[in-house]
Amino acid sequence: MVTMLYLVVLSFLSGQADWTWSVHPEAGFKILTPIPLIYDVKAVPTDVDVIQFHQYHAGSLSTGPDSMAFVIDHFIVPAQDATMDEEYLNAFFENTLDEMLVAIDGTLVYMDILHQPGREVCIWKGSYNEGKGVIRGNILLYGDRYYGLQVFGFASKKQDELMTRFLNSFKRTEEKAN
């Protein structure tokens, strides 16, 4: 009993939250998070159609576990964009990152594109707030399914291990994604 109390107090004092699976069958994924993700949906008009844009988010840079924010964006890629050649794919990833970084007045630190069986992956890192903030992300394309994972933190807190844990835990589920 004393050992159990010690472990509970130790985990409380360490300030690290327990990471659990956040499962979202409606979007076809699960991911490890220290706090539950909140779901939000938006309609985004494009030149051709309106895209149903799904966002899952949690955390805050001012509060929450380790002062981090977690975001997953999901949508179905419009039919005209679903078959991407190498050049189009590179431009798609670069334009997507440019839009994100402009929105936070950030700078790209690195970007790497990986062609994997059944999916295309863009792994990237950026900085913002004059280098004080760090954002890491993965953009995953599974055919016509887009998943944009981002995790925000602070350079001074050296949160790379926790950021990697979030990003690498993403799994597609067996259920159909909408």
N, C-alpha and C. Protein backbone atom coordinates (compact mmCIF):
# COMPACT_ATOMS: atom_id res chain seq x y z
N MET A 1 0.82 -1.20 0.00
CA MET A 1 0.00 0.00 0.00
C MET A 1 0.86 1.26 0.00
N VAL A 2 1.91 1.26 0.79
CA VAL A 2 2.80 2.41 0.85
C VAL A 2 3.46 2.62 -0.52
N THR A 3 3.84 1.52 -1.17
CA THR A 3 4.45 1.63 -2.49
C THR A 3 3.48 2.25 -3.49
N MET A 4 2.24 1.83 -3.42
CA MET A 4 1.22 2.37 -4.32
C MET A 4 1.04 3.87 -4.08
N LEU A 5 0.96 4.29 -2.82
CA LEU A 5 0.84 5.71 -2.51
C LEU A 5 2.04 6.50 -3.02
N TYR A 6 3.22 5.93 -2.85
CA TYR A 6 4.44 6.57 -3.31
C TYR A 6 4.39 6.79 -4.82
N LEU A 7 3.95 5.78 -5.58
CA LEU A 7 3.88 5.90 -7.03
C LEU A 7 2.85 6.94 -7.47
N VAL A 8 1.72 7.01 -6.77
CA VAL A 8 0.69 8.00 -7.10
C VAL A 8 1.22 9.40 -6.84
N VAL A 9 1.83 9.62 -5.69
CA VAL A 9 2.38 10.93 -5.35
C VAL A 9 3.51 11.30 -6.31
N LEU A 10 4.36 10.35 -6.63
CA LEU A 10 5.48 10.60 -7.53
C LEU A 10 4.97 11.01 -8.92
N SER A 11 3.96 10.31 -9.42
CA SER A 11 3.43 10.68 -10.74
C SER A 11 2.77 12.05 -10.71
N PHE A 12 2.11 12.40 -9.60
CA PHE A 12 1.48 13.71 -9.46
C PHE A 12 2.53 14.81 -9.43
N LEU A 13 3.60 14.58 -8.69
CA LEU A 13 4.65 15.59 -8.56
C LEU A 13 5.47 15.74 -9.85
N SER A 14 5.54 14.70 -10.64
CA SER A 14 6.36 14.78 -11.85
C SER A 14 5.75 15.70 -12.89
N GLY A 15 4.43 15.97 -12.80
CA GLY A 15 3.78 16.88 -13.72
C GLY A 15 3.50 16.28 -15.09
N GLN A 16 3.88 15.04 -15.31
CA GLN A 16 3.66 14.40 -16.60
C GLN A 16 2.32 13.68 -16.57
N ALA A 17 1.51 13.96 -17.54
CA ALA A 17 0.20 13.32 -17.65
C ALA A 17 0.36 11.92 -18.22
N ASP A 18 -0.61 11.07 -17.93
CA ASP A 18 -0.65 9.74 -18.53
C ASP A 18 -1.14 9.88 -19.97
N TRP A 19 -0.44 9.26 -20.88
CA TRP A 19 -0.82 9.28 -22.28
C TRP A 19 -1.74 8.10 -22.54
N THR A 20 -2.85 8.35 -23.21
CA THR A 20 -3.80 7.30 -23.54
C THR A 20 -4.20 7.44 -25.01
N TRP A 21 -4.78 6.36 -25.53
CA TRP A 21 -5.23 6.38 -26.92
C TRP A 21 -6.45 7.26 -27.05
N SER A 22 -6.40 8.18 -27.97
CA SER A 22 -7.55 8.99 -28.36
C SER A 22 -8.03 8.38 -29.68
N VAL A 23 -9.19 7.72 -29.64
CA VAL A 23 -9.68 6.96 -30.79
C VAL A 23 -10.81 7.72 -31.48
N HIS A 24 -10.71 7.85 -32.80
CA HIS A 24 -11.70 8.60 -33.57
C HIS A 24 -12.09 7.80 -34.82
N PRO A 25 -13.00 6.83 -34.65
CA PRO A 25 -13.40 5.99 -35.78
C PRO A 25 -14.09 6.77 -36.90
N GLU A 26 -14.74 7.88 -36.56
CA GLU A 26 -15.40 8.68 -37.59
C GLU A 26 -14.40 9.26 -38.59
N ALA A 27 -13.15 9.42 -38.18
CA ALA A 27 -12.10 9.93 -39.06
C ALA A 27 -11.07 8.85 -39.39
N GLY A 28 -11.24 7.67 -38.80
CA GLY A 28 -10.37 6.54 -39.13
C GLY A 28 -8.98 6.57 -38.54
N PHE A 29 -8.82 7.11 -37.31
CA PHE A 29 -7.49 7.11 -36.70
C PHE A 29 -7.56 6.99 -35.19
N LYS A 30 -6.40 6.67 -34.63
CA LYS A 30 -6.19 6.75 -33.19
C LYS A 30 -4.78 7.28 -32.98
N ILE A 31 -4.58 7.92 -31.81
CA ILE A 31 -3.29 8.55 -31.52
C ILE A 31 -3.13 8.67 -30.01
N LEU A 32 -1.90 8.60 -29.54
CA LEU A 32 -1.63 8.79 -28.12
C LEU A 32 -1.60 10.28 -27.78
N THR A 33 -2.33 10.66 -26.72
CA THR A 33 -2.35 12.05 -26.27
C THR A 33 -2.36 12.09 -24.74
N PRO A 34 -1.84 13.15 -24.16
CA PRO A 34 -1.88 13.28 -22.70
C PRO A 34 -3.22 13.82 -22.19
N ILE A 35 -4.04 14.36 -23.09
CA ILE A 35 -5.37 14.87 -22.74
C ILE A 35 -6.31 14.58 -23.91
N PRO A 36 -7.61 14.47 -23.64
CA PRO A 36 -8.55 14.14 -24.72
C PRO A 36 -8.61 15.24 -25.79
N LEU A 37 -8.76 14.80 -27.03
CA LEU A 37 -8.89 15.73 -28.14
C LEU A 37 -10.33 16.22 -28.25
N ILE A 38 -10.48 17.48 -28.61
CA ILE A 38 -11.79 18.11 -28.83
C ILE A 38 -12.03 18.16 -30.33
N TYR A 39 -13.24 17.81 -30.74
CA TYR A 39 -13.59 17.74 -32.16
C TYR A 39 -14.30 19.01 -32.61
N ASP A 40 -13.93 19.48 -33.81
CA ASP A 40 -14.56 20.65 -34.41
C ASP A 40 -14.63 20.40 -35.91
N VAL A 41 -15.69 20.86 -36.57
CA VAL A 41 -15.82 20.69 -38.02
C VAL A 41 -16.11 22.05 -38.66
N LYS A 42 -15.51 22.24 -39.84
CA LYS A 42 -15.69 23.49 -40.57
C LYS A 42 -15.89 23.17 -42.05
N ALA A 43 -16.55 24.06 -42.74
CA ALA A 43 -16.68 23.95 -44.18
C ALA A 43 -15.77 25.00 -44.81
N VAL A 44 -14.86 24.56 -45.67
CA VAL A 44 -13.90 25.45 -46.30
C VAL A 44 -14.17 25.49 -47.80
N PRO A 45 -14.57 26.66 -48.34
CA PRO A 45 -14.82 26.74 -49.78
C PRO A 45 -13.52 26.71 -50.58
N THR A 46 -13.54 26.01 -51.71
CA THR A 46 -12.41 25.99 -52.64
C THR A 46 -12.92 26.44 -54.00
N ASP A 47 -12.04 26.49 -54.99
CA ASP A 47 -12.43 26.89 -56.34
C ASP A 47 -13.46 25.94 -56.94
N VAL A 48 -13.38 24.66 -56.55
CA VAL A 48 -14.22 23.64 -57.16
C VAL A 48 -15.41 23.25 -56.29
N ASP A 49 -15.19 23.12 -54.97
CA ASP A 49 -16.20 22.56 -54.08
C ASP A 49 -15.99 23.09 -52.67
N VAL A 50 -16.81 22.64 -51.75
CA VAL A 50 -16.64 22.94 -50.33
C VAL A 50 -16.07 21.69 -49.66
N ILE A 51 -14.97 21.86 -48.94
CA ILE A 51 -14.33 20.74 -48.25
C ILE A 51 -14.82 20.71 -46.80
N GLN A 52 -15.27 19.55 -46.36
CA GLN A 52 -15.64 19.33 -44.96
C GLN A 52 -14.33 19.10 -44.20
N PHE A 53 -13.94 20.04 -43.38
CA PHE A 53 -12.65 20.07 -42.69
C PHE A 53 -12.88 19.69 -41.23
N HIS A 54 -12.22 18.62 -40.78
CA HIS A 54 -12.38 18.14 -39.40
C HIS A 54 -11.10 18.46 -38.63
N GLN A 55 -11.26 18.99 -37.43
CA GLN A 55 -10.09 19.27 -36.60
C GLN A 55 -10.29 18.70 -35.20
N TYR A 56 -9.21 18.11 -34.71
CA TYR A 56 -9.15 17.56 -33.36
C TYR A 56 -8.01 18.30 -32.67
N HIS A 57 -8.26 18.85 -31.48
CA HIS A 57 -7.22 19.64 -30.83
C HIS A 57 -7.32 19.51 -29.31
N ALA A 58 -6.20 19.78 -28.65
CA ALA A 58 -6.14 19.73 -27.19
C ALA A 58 -4.89 20.45 -26.72
N GLY A 59 -4.93 20.84 -25.48
CA GLY A 59 -3.76 21.45 -24.86
C GLY A 59 -3.66 22.93 -25.12
N SER A 60 -2.66 23.51 -24.51
CA SER A 60 -2.43 24.94 -24.61
C SER A 60 -0.96 25.21 -24.30
N LEU A 61 -0.44 26.26 -24.86
CA LEU A 61 0.95 26.62 -24.56
C LEU A 61 1.07 27.30 -23.20
N SER A 62 -0.05 27.76 -22.65
CA SER A 62 0.01 28.41 -21.34
C SER A 62 -0.43 27.48 -20.21
N THR A 63 -1.23 26.47 -20.53
CA THR A 63 -1.67 25.51 -19.52
C THR A 63 -1.61 24.12 -20.11
N GLY A 64 -1.91 23.14 -19.34
CA GLY A 64 -1.96 21.77 -19.86
C GLY A 64 -0.65 21.04 -19.66
N PRO A 65 -0.67 19.76 -20.01
CA PRO A 65 0.52 18.93 -19.82
C PRO A 65 1.71 19.46 -20.59
N ASP A 66 2.76 19.74 -19.88
CA ASP A 66 4.02 20.17 -20.47
C ASP A 66 3.88 21.40 -21.37
N SER A 67 2.82 22.19 -21.21
CA SER A 67 2.58 23.39 -22.02
C SER A 67 2.75 23.11 -23.51
N MET A 68 1.97 22.16 -23.99
CA MET A 68 2.00 21.79 -25.40
C MET A 68 0.58 21.81 -25.95
N ALA A 69 0.47 22.05 -27.26
CA ALA A 69 -0.83 22.01 -27.94
C ALA A 69 -0.74 20.98 -29.07
N PHE A 70 -1.80 20.20 -29.21
CA PHE A 70 -1.86 19.11 -30.18
C PHE A 70 -3.01 19.35 -31.15
N VAL A 71 -2.76 19.15 -32.45
CA VAL A 71 -3.78 19.39 -33.47
C VAL A 71 -3.69 18.28 -34.52
N ILE A 72 -4.87 17.81 -34.94
CA ILE A 72 -4.95 16.91 -36.09
C ILE A 72 -6.04 17.46 -37.00
N ASP A 73 -5.68 17.73 -38.24
CA ASP A 73 -6.64 18.16 -39.26
C ASP A 73 -6.89 16.97 -40.17
N HIS A 74 -8.14 16.81 -40.60
CA HIS A 74 -8.49 15.70 -41.47
C HIS A 74 -9.53 16.15 -42.49
N PHE A 75 -9.34 15.76 -43.75
CA PHE A 75 -10.36 15.99 -44.76
C PHE A 75 -10.13 15.04 -45.93
N ILE A 76 -11.13 14.96 -46.77
CA ILE A 76 -11.02 14.17 -47.99
C ILE A 76 -10.51 15.10 -49.08
N VAL A 77 -9.44 14.71 -49.72
CA VAL A 77 -8.82 15.50 -50.78
C VAL A 77 -9.77 15.55 -51.97
N PRO A 78 -10.03 16.73 -52.54
CA PRO A 78 -10.90 16.82 -53.72
C PRO A 78 -10.42 15.90 -54.85
N ALA A 79 -11.37 15.38 -55.62
CA ALA A 79 -11.06 14.39 -56.67
C ALA A 79 -9.95 14.85 -57.62
N GLN A 80 -9.93 16.13 -57.99
CA GLN A 80 -8.92 16.60 -58.93
C GLN A 80 -7.52 16.57 -58.33
N ASP A 81 -7.40 16.51 -56.99
CA ASP A 81 -6.10 16.49 -56.33
C ASP A 81 -5.71 15.10 -55.85
N ALA A 82 -6.60 14.12 -55.93
CA ALA A 82 -6.36 12.81 -55.33
C ALA A 82 -5.27 12.01 -56.05
N THR A 83 -5.04 12.25 -57.33
CA THR A 83 -3.97 11.55 -58.05
C THR A 83 -2.84 12.54 -58.27
N MET A 84 -1.84 12.48 -57.42
CA MET A 84 -0.75 13.45 -57.44
C MET A 84 0.53 12.81 -57.95
N ASP A 85 1.16 13.47 -58.94
CA ASP A 85 2.49 13.02 -59.35
C ASP A 85 3.51 13.66 -58.41
N GLU A 86 4.76 13.31 -58.59
CA GLU A 86 5.83 13.76 -57.68
C GLU A 86 5.90 15.29 -57.57
N GLU A 87 5.84 15.96 -58.70
CA GLU A 87 5.94 17.41 -58.71
C GLU A 87 4.75 18.05 -58.00
N TYR A 88 3.55 17.55 -58.31
CA TYR A 88 2.34 18.09 -57.67
C TYR A 88 2.36 17.82 -56.17
N LEU A 89 2.81 16.62 -55.78
CA LEU A 89 2.87 16.25 -54.37
C LEU A 89 3.82 17.18 -53.60
N ASN A 90 5.00 17.44 -54.16
CA ASN A 90 5.95 18.35 -53.52
C ASN A 90 5.34 19.74 -53.35
N ALA A 91 4.68 20.24 -54.40
CA ALA A 91 4.04 21.56 -54.34
C ALA A 91 2.91 21.56 -53.31
N PHE A 92 2.14 20.48 -53.24
CA PHE A 92 1.05 20.37 -52.27
C PHE A 92 1.59 20.48 -50.84
N PHE A 93 2.64 19.71 -50.53
CA PHE A 93 3.22 19.76 -49.18
C PHE A 93 3.80 21.15 -48.89
N GLU A 94 4.55 21.71 -49.83
CA GLU A 94 5.15 23.02 -49.62
C GLU A 94 4.10 24.11 -49.42
N ASN A 95 3.05 24.10 -50.23
CA ASN A 95 1.99 25.11 -50.09
C ASN A 95 1.23 24.94 -48.77
N THR A 96 0.99 23.71 -48.38
CA THR A 96 0.31 23.45 -47.11
C THR A 96 1.13 23.99 -45.94
N LEU A 97 2.43 23.72 -45.96
CA LEU A 97 3.31 24.21 -44.89
C LEU A 97 3.42 25.73 -44.91
N ASP A 98 3.55 26.31 -46.10
CA ASP A 98 3.63 27.77 -46.20
C ASP A 98 2.42 28.43 -45.55
N GLU A 99 1.22 27.91 -45.85
CA GLU A 99 0.00 28.49 -45.26
C GLU A 99 0.02 28.40 -43.74
N MET A 100 0.44 27.24 -43.20
CA MET A 100 0.49 27.08 -41.75
C MET A 100 1.48 28.03 -41.12
N LEU A 101 2.67 28.11 -41.71
CA LEU A 101 3.72 28.94 -41.13
C LEU A 101 3.41 30.43 -41.24
N VAL A 102 2.78 30.86 -42.33
CA VAL A 102 2.37 32.26 -42.46
C VAL A 102 1.35 32.59 -41.37
N ALA A 103 0.44 31.67 -41.08
CA ALA A 103 -0.59 31.90 -40.08
C ALA A 103 -0.01 32.14 -38.68
N ILE A 104 1.15 31.56 -38.38
CA ILE A 104 1.76 31.73 -37.05
C ILE A 104 3.03 32.58 -37.11
N ASP A 105 3.28 33.20 -38.28
CA ASP A 105 4.50 33.99 -38.49
C ASP A 105 5.73 33.14 -38.16
N GLY A 106 5.74 31.93 -38.72
CA GLY A 106 6.81 30.98 -38.44
C GLY A 106 7.77 30.80 -39.60
N THR A 107 8.81 30.02 -39.34
CA THR A 107 9.86 29.73 -40.31
C THR A 107 10.06 28.22 -40.38
N LEU A 108 10.21 27.70 -41.57
CA LEU A 108 10.47 26.27 -41.76
C LEU A 108 11.90 25.96 -41.37
N VAL A 109 12.09 24.94 -40.52
CA VAL A 109 13.42 24.49 -40.13
C VAL A 109 13.86 23.35 -41.03
N TYR A 110 12.98 22.36 -41.24
CA TYR A 110 13.27 21.29 -42.19
C TYR A 110 11.97 20.66 -42.67
N MET A 111 12.08 19.98 -43.81
CA MET A 111 10.96 19.25 -44.39
C MET A 111 11.54 18.06 -45.14
N ASP A 112 10.96 16.88 -44.94
CA ASP A 112 11.40 15.69 -45.64
C ASP A 112 10.16 14.95 -46.13
N ILE A 113 10.18 14.53 -47.39
CA ILE A 113 9.05 13.82 -47.98
C ILE A 113 9.44 12.36 -48.16
N LEU A 114 8.59 11.48 -47.65
CA LEU A 114 8.82 10.04 -47.74
C LEU A 114 7.69 9.39 -48.52
N HIS A 115 8.04 8.54 -49.46
CA HIS A 115 7.05 7.77 -50.21
C HIS A 115 7.03 6.38 -49.60
N GLN A 116 5.95 6.05 -48.92
CA GLN A 116 5.82 4.76 -48.25
C GLN A 116 4.66 4.00 -48.85
N PRO A 117 4.68 2.66 -48.76
CA PRO A 117 3.57 1.87 -49.31
C PRO A 117 2.23 2.32 -48.74
N GLY A 118 1.32 2.73 -49.63
CA GLY A 118 -0.02 3.13 -49.22
C GLY A 118 -0.17 4.53 -48.70
N ARG A 119 0.94 5.28 -48.60
CA ARG A 119 0.83 6.65 -48.10
C ARG A 119 2.02 7.50 -48.51
N GLU A 120 1.78 8.79 -48.51
CA GLU A 120 2.82 9.80 -48.72
C GLU A 120 2.96 10.55 -47.40
N VAL A 121 4.19 10.85 -47.00
CA VAL A 121 4.44 11.47 -45.70
C VAL A 121 5.36 12.67 -45.85
N CYS A 122 4.97 13.76 -45.21
CA CYS A 122 5.84 14.94 -45.12
C CYS A 122 6.11 15.17 -43.63
N ILE A 123 7.37 15.03 -43.25
CA ILE A 123 7.80 15.26 -41.87
C ILE A 123 8.45 16.64 -41.84
N TRP A 124 8.05 17.47 -40.88
CA TRP A 124 8.57 18.83 -40.90
C TRP A 124 8.69 19.42 -39.50
N LYS A 125 9.45 20.50 -39.44
CA LYS A 125 9.62 21.24 -38.18
C LYS A 125 9.71 22.72 -38.52
N GLY A 126 9.12 23.54 -37.66
CA GLY A 126 9.18 24.97 -37.84
C GLY A 126 9.45 25.65 -36.50
N SER A 127 9.73 26.94 -36.58
CA SER A 127 9.89 27.74 -35.36
C SER A 127 9.03 28.99 -35.51
N TYR A 128 8.65 29.55 -34.40
CA TYR A 128 7.84 30.77 -34.40
C TYR A 128 8.15 31.54 -33.13
N ASN A 129 7.57 32.73 -33.01
CA ASN A 129 7.80 33.59 -31.85
C ASN A 129 9.30 33.85 -31.65
N GLU A 130 9.94 34.27 -32.76
CA GLU A 130 11.38 34.60 -32.74
C GLU A 130 12.23 33.45 -32.24
N GLY A 131 11.86 32.22 -32.62
CA GLY A 131 12.64 31.04 -32.24
C GLY A 131 12.31 30.46 -30.89
N LYS A 132 11.44 31.09 -30.13
CA LYS A 132 11.07 30.57 -28.80
C LYS A 132 10.10 29.40 -28.91
N GLY A 133 9.28 29.39 -29.96
CA GLY A 133 8.30 28.33 -30.15
C GLY A 133 8.76 27.32 -31.18
N VAL A 134 8.34 26.08 -30.98
CA VAL A 134 8.65 25.00 -31.90
C VAL A 134 7.34 24.34 -32.32
N ILE A 135 7.23 24.04 -33.60
CA ILE A 135 6.10 23.27 -34.10
C ILE A 135 6.67 22.14 -34.95
N ARG A 136 6.21 20.94 -34.65
CA ARG A 136 6.60 19.78 -35.45
C ARG A 136 5.33 19.16 -36.02
N GLY A 137 5.47 18.56 -37.17
CA GLY A 137 4.28 17.99 -37.77
C GLY A 137 4.57 16.91 -38.78
N ASN A 138 3.51 16.19 -39.09
CA ASN A 138 3.50 15.20 -40.16
C ASN A 138 2.27 15.48 -40.99
N ILE A 139 2.43 15.45 -42.30
CA ILE A 139 1.29 15.48 -43.20
C ILE A 139 1.25 14.09 -43.83
N LEU A 140 0.11 13.43 -43.69
CA LEU A 140 -0.04 12.06 -44.18
C LEU A 140 -1.15 12.02 -45.22
N LEU A 141 -0.86 11.45 -46.37
CA LEU A 141 -1.85 11.25 -47.41
C LEU A 141 -2.02 9.76 -47.64
N TYR A 142 -3.22 9.28 -47.39
CA TYR A 142 -3.58 7.89 -47.66
C TYR A 142 -4.60 7.94 -48.79
N GLY A 143 -4.15 7.89 -50.03
CA GLY A 143 -5.07 8.04 -51.16
C GLY A 143 -5.72 9.41 -51.10
N ASP A 144 -7.04 9.44 -50.90
CA ASP A 144 -7.74 10.72 -50.84
C ASP A 144 -7.96 11.23 -49.42
N ARG A 145 -7.30 10.62 -48.44
CA ARG A 145 -7.43 11.03 -47.03
C ARG A 145 -6.22 11.85 -46.59
N TYR A 146 -6.48 13.05 -46.10
CA TYR A 146 -5.44 13.96 -45.61
C TYR A 146 -5.50 13.99 -44.09
N TYR A 147 -4.35 13.81 -43.46
CA TYR A 147 -4.21 13.98 -42.00
C TYR A 147 -3.03 14.91 -41.76
N GLY A 148 -3.27 16.03 -41.12
CA GLY A 148 -2.21 16.97 -40.78
C GLY A 148 -2.04 16.99 -39.28
N LEU A 149 -0.92 16.46 -38.79
CA LEU A 149 -0.63 16.41 -37.36
C LEU A 149 0.34 17.53 -37.01
N GLN A 150 0.02 18.28 -35.96
CA GLN A 150 0.92 19.32 -35.49
C GLN A 150 0.97 19.29 -33.97
N VAL A 151 2.16 19.55 -33.45
CA VAL A 151 2.32 19.70 -32.01
C VAL A 151 3.19 20.93 -31.76
N PHE A 152 2.68 21.80 -30.90
CA PHE A 152 3.33 23.07 -30.59
C PHE A 152 3.96 22.99 -29.21
N GLY A 153 5.13 23.59 -29.05
CA GLY A 153 5.78 23.63 -27.75
C GLY A 153 6.79 24.77 -27.70
N PHE A 154 7.70 24.69 -26.74
CA PHE A 154 8.70 25.73 -26.54
C PHE A 154 10.10 25.15 -26.72
N ALA A 155 10.96 25.88 -27.41
CA ALA A 155 12.34 25.44 -27.62
C ALA A 155 13.07 25.25 -26.30
N SER A 156 12.81 26.10 -25.32
CA SER A 156 13.51 26.04 -24.04
C SER A 156 13.15 24.81 -23.21
N LYS A 157 12.01 24.19 -23.50
CA LYS A 157 11.56 23.03 -22.69
C LYS A 157 12.06 21.70 -23.23
N LYS A 158 12.71 21.71 -24.38
CA LYS A 158 13.26 20.49 -24.97
C LYS A 158 12.23 19.36 -24.98
N GLN A 159 11.16 19.57 -25.74
CA GLN A 159 10.01 18.67 -25.76
C GLN A 159 10.02 17.69 -26.94
N ASP A 160 11.17 17.55 -27.60
CA ASP A 160 11.24 16.69 -28.78
C ASP A 160 10.76 15.26 -28.53
N GLU A 161 11.11 14.70 -27.40
CA GLU A 161 10.71 13.31 -27.11
C GLU A 161 9.18 13.18 -27.03
N LEU A 162 8.53 14.13 -26.35
CA LEU A 162 7.07 14.10 -26.25
C LEU A 162 6.42 14.39 -27.60
N MET A 163 6.99 15.30 -28.36
CA MET A 163 6.46 15.61 -29.69
C MET A 163 6.54 14.37 -30.59
N THR A 164 7.68 13.70 -30.55
CA THR A 164 7.87 12.49 -31.35
C THR A 164 6.89 11.41 -30.91
N ARG A 165 6.65 11.29 -29.64
CA ARG A 165 5.70 10.29 -29.14
C ARG A 165 4.32 10.51 -29.75
N PHE A 166 3.86 11.74 -29.76
CA PHE A 166 2.57 12.07 -30.35
C PHE A 166 2.57 11.76 -31.85
N LEU A 167 3.52 12.28 -32.58
CA LEU A 167 3.55 12.13 -34.03
C LEU A 167 3.70 10.68 -34.47
N ASN A 168 4.55 9.92 -33.80
CA ASN A 168 4.80 8.54 -34.20
C ASN A 168 3.71 7.57 -33.78
N SER A 169 2.82 7.99 -32.89
CA SER A 169 1.78 7.07 -32.41
C SER A 169 0.56 7.03 -33.33
N PHE A 170 0.48 7.91 -34.32
CA PHE A 170 -0.68 7.96 -35.21
C PHE A 170 -0.87 6.63 -35.92
N LYS A 171 -2.08 6.10 -35.86
CA LYS A 171 -2.43 4.84 -36.52
C LYS A 171 -3.77 4.99 -37.20
N ARG A 172 -3.88 4.47 -38.40
CA ARG A 172 -5.19 4.39 -39.06
C ARG A 172 -5.92 3.20 -38.44
N THR A 173 -7.23 3.37 -38.27
CA THR A 173 -8.03 2.27 -37.73
C THR A 173 -8.65 1.49 -38.89
N GLU A 174 -9.20 0.35 -38.58
CA GLU A 174 -9.80 -0.53 -39.59
C GLU A 174 -11.11 0.01 -40.11
N GLU A 175 -11.76 0.88 -39.31
CA GLU A 175 -13.06 1.41 -39.72
C GLU A 175 -12.89 2.43 -40.82
N LYS A 176 -13.93 2.61 -41.61
CA LYS A 176 -13.88 3.57 -42.71
C LYS A 176 -13.73 4.99 -42.18
N ALA A 177 -12.89 5.76 -42.83
CA ALA A 177 -12.74 7.18 -42.48
C ALA A 177 -13.74 7.98 -43.30
N ASN A 178 -14.33 9.02 -42.67
CA ASN A 178 -15.27 9.90 -43.38
C ASN A 178 -14.61 11.21 -43.70
